[in-house]
Amino acid sequence: MANNNNEDAKFYNELRLSLSPSNDEVLSIVFSKDRAMQLHAFIMSYLEQVRNFGKLVVLYKASTVDHQQSYIDLQHIFSSKKSYLLRKQILENN
């Protein structure tokens, strides 16, 4: 399992290096709650499909430790790119 994670990380790192933001005037904000896997799929699709993209900021909330760990894993996957910022936003009443 750890070997697959290393291979995945290497693949995503190479993909990120080949795709860099080309528009400093665009800022995309994504909201996520307890859906790290769907967020990961969205980010990969965004990188593959959107041209002339800018910085991507994710505001997320994790309701359990397991969900929090999933978001931490995503932070590690996308940590080498300054344009992808995952931030935890604590939202009250939800």
N, C-alpha and C. Protein backbone atom coordinates (compact mmCIF):
# COMPACT_ATOMS: atom_id res chain seq x y z
N MET A 1 0.82 -1.20 0.00
CA MET A 1 0.00 0.00 0.00
C MET A 1 0.86 1.25 0.00
N ALA A 2 1.91 1.27 0.81
CA ALA A 2 2.78 2.44 0.87
C ALA A 2 3.46 2.69 -0.47
N ASN A 3 3.80 1.62 -1.19
CA ASN A 3 4.43 1.76 -2.49
C ASN A 3 3.49 2.44 -3.48
N ASN A 4 2.20 2.07 -3.46
CA ASN A 4 1.22 2.72 -4.33
C ASN A 4 1.08 4.20 -4.00
N ASN A 5 1.11 4.54 -2.70
CA ASN A 5 1.01 5.94 -2.30
C ASN A 5 2.20 6.72 -2.82
N ASN A 6 3.40 6.13 -2.77
CA ASN A 6 4.59 6.81 -3.29
C ASN A 6 4.49 7.00 -4.79
N GLU A 7 4.01 5.99 -5.50
CA GLU A 7 3.85 6.10 -6.95
C GLU A 7 2.80 7.15 -7.29
N ASP A 8 1.70 7.18 -6.55
CA ASP A 8 0.67 8.20 -6.78
C ASP A 8 1.24 9.59 -6.52
N ALA A 9 1.95 9.75 -5.43
CA ALA A 9 2.53 11.05 -5.11
C ALA A 9 3.50 11.50 -6.19
N LYS A 10 4.30 10.57 -6.70
CA LYS A 10 5.25 10.90 -7.77
C LYS A 10 4.50 11.34 -9.03
N PHE A 11 3.47 10.60 -9.39
CA PHE A 11 2.67 10.94 -10.56
C PHE A 11 2.06 12.34 -10.42
N TYR A 12 1.43 12.61 -9.28
CA TYR A 12 0.79 13.90 -9.09
C TYR A 12 1.80 15.03 -9.03
N ASN A 13 2.96 14.76 -8.47
CA ASN A 13 3.99 15.78 -8.42
C ASN A 13 4.45 16.12 -9.84
N GLU A 14 4.65 15.10 -10.68
CA GLU A 14 5.04 15.35 -12.07
C GLU A 14 3.95 16.12 -12.82
N LEU A 15 2.71 15.78 -12.56
CA LEU A 15 1.60 16.48 -13.20
C LEU A 15 1.59 17.95 -12.77
N ARG A 16 1.74 18.19 -11.48
CA ARG A 16 1.76 19.56 -10.97
C ARG A 16 2.90 20.36 -11.56
N LEU A 17 4.06 19.74 -11.70
CA LEU A 17 5.21 20.45 -12.26
C LEU A 17 4.98 20.83 -13.71
N SER A 18 4.23 20.01 -14.42
CA SER A 18 3.99 20.29 -15.83
C SER A 18 2.87 21.33 -16.02
N LEU A 19 2.07 21.53 -15.00
CA LEU A 19 0.96 22.49 -15.07
C LEU A 19 1.17 23.57 -14.02
N SER A 20 1.40 24.77 -14.44
CA SER A 20 1.56 25.85 -13.47
C SER A 20 0.56 26.94 -13.80
N PRO A 21 0.07 27.65 -12.78
CA PRO A 21 -0.92 28.70 -13.02
C PRO A 21 -0.40 29.72 -14.02
N SER A 22 -1.26 30.11 -14.92
CA SER A 22 -0.85 31.06 -15.93
C SER A 22 -1.60 32.39 -15.81
N ASN A 23 -2.42 32.51 -14.79
CA ASN A 23 -3.22 33.73 -14.66
C ASN A 23 -3.23 34.18 -13.21
N ASP A 24 -2.48 35.22 -12.92
CA ASP A 24 -2.42 35.74 -11.55
C ASP A 24 -3.66 36.55 -11.17
N GLU A 25 -4.52 36.80 -12.13
CA GLU A 25 -5.71 37.59 -11.86
C GLU A 25 -6.90 36.74 -11.45
N VAL A 26 -6.79 35.43 -11.56
CA VAL A 26 -7.89 34.53 -11.24
C VAL A 26 -7.60 33.82 -9.92
N LEU A 27 -8.59 33.80 -9.05
CA LEU A 27 -8.51 33.06 -7.80
C LEU A 27 -9.77 32.21 -7.71
N SER A 28 -9.59 30.90 -7.63
CA SER A 28 -10.72 29.99 -7.49
C SER A 28 -10.81 29.56 -6.04
N ILE A 29 -12.01 29.58 -5.51
CA ILE A 29 -12.25 29.17 -4.12
C ILE A 29 -13.21 27.99 -4.14
N VAL A 30 -12.82 26.93 -3.45
CA VAL A 30 -13.61 25.70 -3.40
C VAL A 30 -13.94 25.43 -1.93
N PHE A 31 -15.16 25.04 -1.67
CA PHE A 31 -15.61 24.69 -0.34
C PHE A 31 -15.82 23.18 -0.28
N SER A 32 -15.42 22.58 0.84
CA SER A 32 -15.54 21.14 0.98
C SER A 32 -15.83 20.79 2.44
N LYS A 33 -16.70 19.83 2.62
CA LYS A 33 -16.98 19.32 3.97
C LYS A 33 -17.04 17.80 3.91
N ASP A 34 -16.05 17.16 4.54
CA ASP A 34 -15.99 15.70 4.67
C ASP A 34 -15.98 14.97 3.33
N ARG A 35 -15.41 15.56 2.31
CA ARG A 35 -15.38 14.93 0.99
C ARG A 35 -14.00 15.10 0.35
N ALA A 36 -12.97 14.64 1.03
CA ALA A 36 -11.60 14.81 0.53
C ALA A 36 -11.38 14.05 -0.77
N MET A 37 -11.95 12.87 -0.90
CA MET A 37 -11.75 12.10 -2.12
C MET A 37 -12.38 12.81 -3.33
N GLN A 38 -13.57 13.36 -3.16
CA GLN A 38 -14.20 14.10 -4.25
C GLN A 38 -13.42 15.38 -4.53
N LEU A 39 -12.88 16.01 -3.49
CA LEU A 39 -12.06 17.20 -3.68
C LEU A 39 -10.81 16.86 -4.49
N HIS A 40 -10.19 15.76 -4.18
CA HIS A 40 -9.01 15.32 -4.92
C HIS A 40 -9.36 15.12 -6.39
N ALA A 41 -10.47 14.46 -6.67
CA ALA A 41 -10.89 14.24 -8.05
C ALA A 41 -11.18 15.57 -8.75
N PHE A 42 -11.81 16.49 -8.03
CA PHE A 42 -12.09 17.80 -8.61
C PHE A 42 -10.80 18.53 -8.96
N ILE A 43 -9.84 18.55 -8.05
CA ILE A 43 -8.58 19.26 -8.30
C ILE A 43 -7.87 18.67 -9.51
N MET A 44 -7.82 17.35 -9.60
CA MET A 44 -7.16 16.72 -10.74
C MET A 44 -7.88 17.06 -12.03
N SER A 45 -9.20 17.03 -12.03
CA SER A 45 -9.98 17.39 -13.21
C SER A 45 -9.76 18.86 -13.57
N TYR A 46 -9.75 19.70 -12.57
CA TYR A 46 -9.51 21.14 -12.77
C TYR A 46 -8.16 21.36 -13.45
N LEU A 47 -7.13 20.70 -12.97
CA LEU A 47 -5.80 20.85 -13.54
C LEU A 47 -5.73 20.34 -14.98
N GLU A 48 -6.46 19.28 -15.25
CA GLU A 48 -6.43 18.70 -16.58
C GLU A 48 -7.27 19.46 -17.59
N GLN A 49 -8.38 20.04 -17.15
CA GLN A 49 -9.36 20.59 -18.08
C GLN A 49 -9.34 22.12 -18.21
N VAL A 50 -8.94 22.83 -17.17
CA VAL A 50 -9.01 24.29 -17.18
C VAL A 50 -7.72 24.88 -17.72
N ARG A 51 -7.85 25.74 -18.69
CA ARG A 51 -6.69 26.45 -19.23
C ARG A 51 -6.69 27.85 -18.65
N ASN A 52 -5.52 28.44 -18.56
CA ASN A 52 -5.39 29.81 -18.05
C ASN A 52 -5.92 29.92 -16.62
N PHE A 53 -5.65 28.90 -15.81
CA PHE A 53 -6.15 28.91 -14.44
C PHE A 53 -5.22 29.69 -13.52
N GLY A 54 -5.75 30.08 -12.39
CA GLY A 54 -4.99 30.82 -11.39
C GLY A 54 -4.86 30.02 -10.11
N LYS A 55 -4.72 30.73 -9.02
CA LYS A 55 -4.56 30.07 -7.73
C LYS A 55 -5.87 29.41 -7.32
N LEU A 56 -5.72 28.31 -6.58
CA LEU A 56 -6.86 27.54 -6.09
C LEU A 56 -6.77 27.47 -4.57
N VAL A 57 -7.80 27.97 -3.91
CA VAL A 57 -7.87 27.95 -2.46
C VAL A 57 -9.03 27.05 -2.06
N VAL A 58 -8.78 26.16 -1.11
CA VAL A 58 -9.83 25.27 -0.63
C VAL A 58 -10.09 25.58 0.84
N LEU A 59 -11.34 25.85 1.15
CA LEU A 59 -11.77 26.03 2.53
C LEU A 59 -12.56 24.77 2.89
N TYR A 60 -12.11 24.09 3.92
CA TYR A 60 -12.76 22.82 4.24
C TYR A 60 -13.07 22.68 5.71
N LYS A 61 -13.98 21.77 5.98
CA LYS A 61 -14.33 21.41 7.34
C LYS A 61 -14.36 19.89 7.44
N ALA A 62 -13.73 19.36 8.46
CA ALA A 62 -13.73 17.92 8.71
C ALA A 62 -14.44 17.66 10.03
N SER A 63 -15.44 16.80 10.00
CA SER A 63 -16.22 16.56 11.22
C SER A 63 -15.66 15.43 12.08
N THR A 64 -14.73 14.65 11.53
CA THR A 64 -14.13 13.56 12.31
C THR A 64 -12.62 13.57 12.10
N VAL A 65 -11.94 12.83 12.92
CA VAL A 65 -10.48 12.70 12.81
C VAL A 65 -10.11 12.04 11.48
N ASP A 66 -10.87 11.05 11.06
CA ASP A 66 -10.59 10.38 9.79
C ASP A 66 -10.72 11.33 8.61
N HIS A 67 -11.77 12.15 8.62
CA HIS A 67 -11.92 13.13 7.54
C HIS A 67 -10.77 14.14 7.57
N GLN A 68 -10.39 14.57 8.76
CA GLN A 68 -9.28 15.51 8.90
C GLN A 68 -8.00 14.91 8.32
N GLN A 69 -7.76 13.64 8.60
CA GLN A 69 -6.56 12.98 8.07
C GLN A 69 -6.58 12.94 6.55
N SER A 70 -7.75 12.75 5.97
CA SER A 70 -7.86 12.75 4.51
C SER A 70 -7.47 14.10 3.92
N TYR A 71 -7.89 15.17 4.56
CA TYR A 71 -7.51 16.50 4.09
C TYR A 71 -6.02 16.75 4.29
N ILE A 72 -5.46 16.26 5.36
CA ILE A 72 -4.02 16.37 5.59
C ILE A 72 -3.26 15.63 4.49
N ASP A 73 -3.75 14.46 4.12
CA ASP A 73 -3.13 13.71 3.01
C ASP A 73 -3.14 14.53 1.72
N LEU A 74 -4.25 15.18 1.44
CA LEU A 74 -4.32 16.03 0.25
C LEU A 74 -3.34 17.20 0.34
N GLN A 75 -3.19 17.75 1.53
CA GLN A 75 -2.23 18.84 1.70
C GLN A 75 -0.83 18.37 1.33
N HIS A 76 -0.49 17.15 1.71
CA HIS A 76 0.83 16.61 1.38
C HIS A 76 0.97 16.39 -0.12
N ILE A 77 -0.07 15.90 -0.76
CA ILE A 77 -0.02 15.66 -2.20
C ILE A 77 0.23 16.97 -2.95
N PHE A 78 -0.44 18.03 -2.53
CA PHE A 78 -0.34 19.29 -3.25
C PHE A 78 0.56 20.32 -2.56
N SER A 79 1.40 19.88 -1.63
CA SER A 79 2.19 20.81 -0.83
C SER A 79 3.28 21.53 -1.61
N SER A 80 3.77 20.97 -2.69
CA SER A 80 4.89 21.59 -3.39
C SER A 80 4.46 22.75 -4.28
N LYS A 81 3.18 22.95 -4.44
CA LYS A 81 2.70 24.04 -5.28
C LYS A 81 2.10 25.14 -4.42
N LYS A 82 2.63 26.33 -4.53
CA LYS A 82 2.10 27.44 -3.75
C LYS A 82 0.71 27.84 -4.22
N SER A 83 0.34 27.44 -5.44
CA SER A 83 -0.96 27.86 -5.94
C SER A 83 -2.12 27.04 -5.40
N TYR A 84 -1.83 25.95 -4.76
CA TYR A 84 -2.90 25.12 -4.22
C TYR A 84 -2.82 25.19 -2.70
N LEU A 85 -3.73 25.93 -2.13
CA LEU A 85 -3.70 26.14 -0.69
C LEU A 85 -4.92 25.47 -0.08
N LEU A 86 -4.70 24.52 0.79
CA LEU A 86 -5.82 23.92 1.51
C LEU A 86 -5.85 24.56 2.89
N ARG A 87 -6.96 25.13 3.21
CA ARG A 87 -7.09 25.81 4.50
C ARG A 87 -8.33 25.29 5.20
N LYS A 88 -8.20 25.12 6.48
CA LYS A 88 -9.34 24.69 7.27
C LYS A 88 -10.12 25.92 7.72
N GLN A 89 -11.37 25.89 7.48
CA GLN A 89 -12.24 26.97 7.91
C GLN A 89 -13.25 26.38 8.88
N ILE A 90 -13.26 26.86 10.10
CA ILE A 90 -14.22 26.39 11.08
C ILE A 90 -15.50 27.19 10.92
N LEU A 91 -16.54 26.51 10.54
CA LEU A 91 -17.82 27.17 10.34
C LEU A 91 -18.76 26.82 11.49
N GLU A 92 -19.33 27.80 12.09
CA GLU A 92 -20.23 27.53 13.20
C GLU A 92 -21.60 27.12 12.68
N ASN A 93 -22.32 26.34 13.47
CA ASN A 93 -23.67 25.88 13.16
C ASN A 93 -23.72 24.96 11.94
N ASN A 94 -22.63 24.36 11.54
CA ASN A 94 -22.61 23.38 10.47
C ASN A 94 -21.27 22.71 10.50
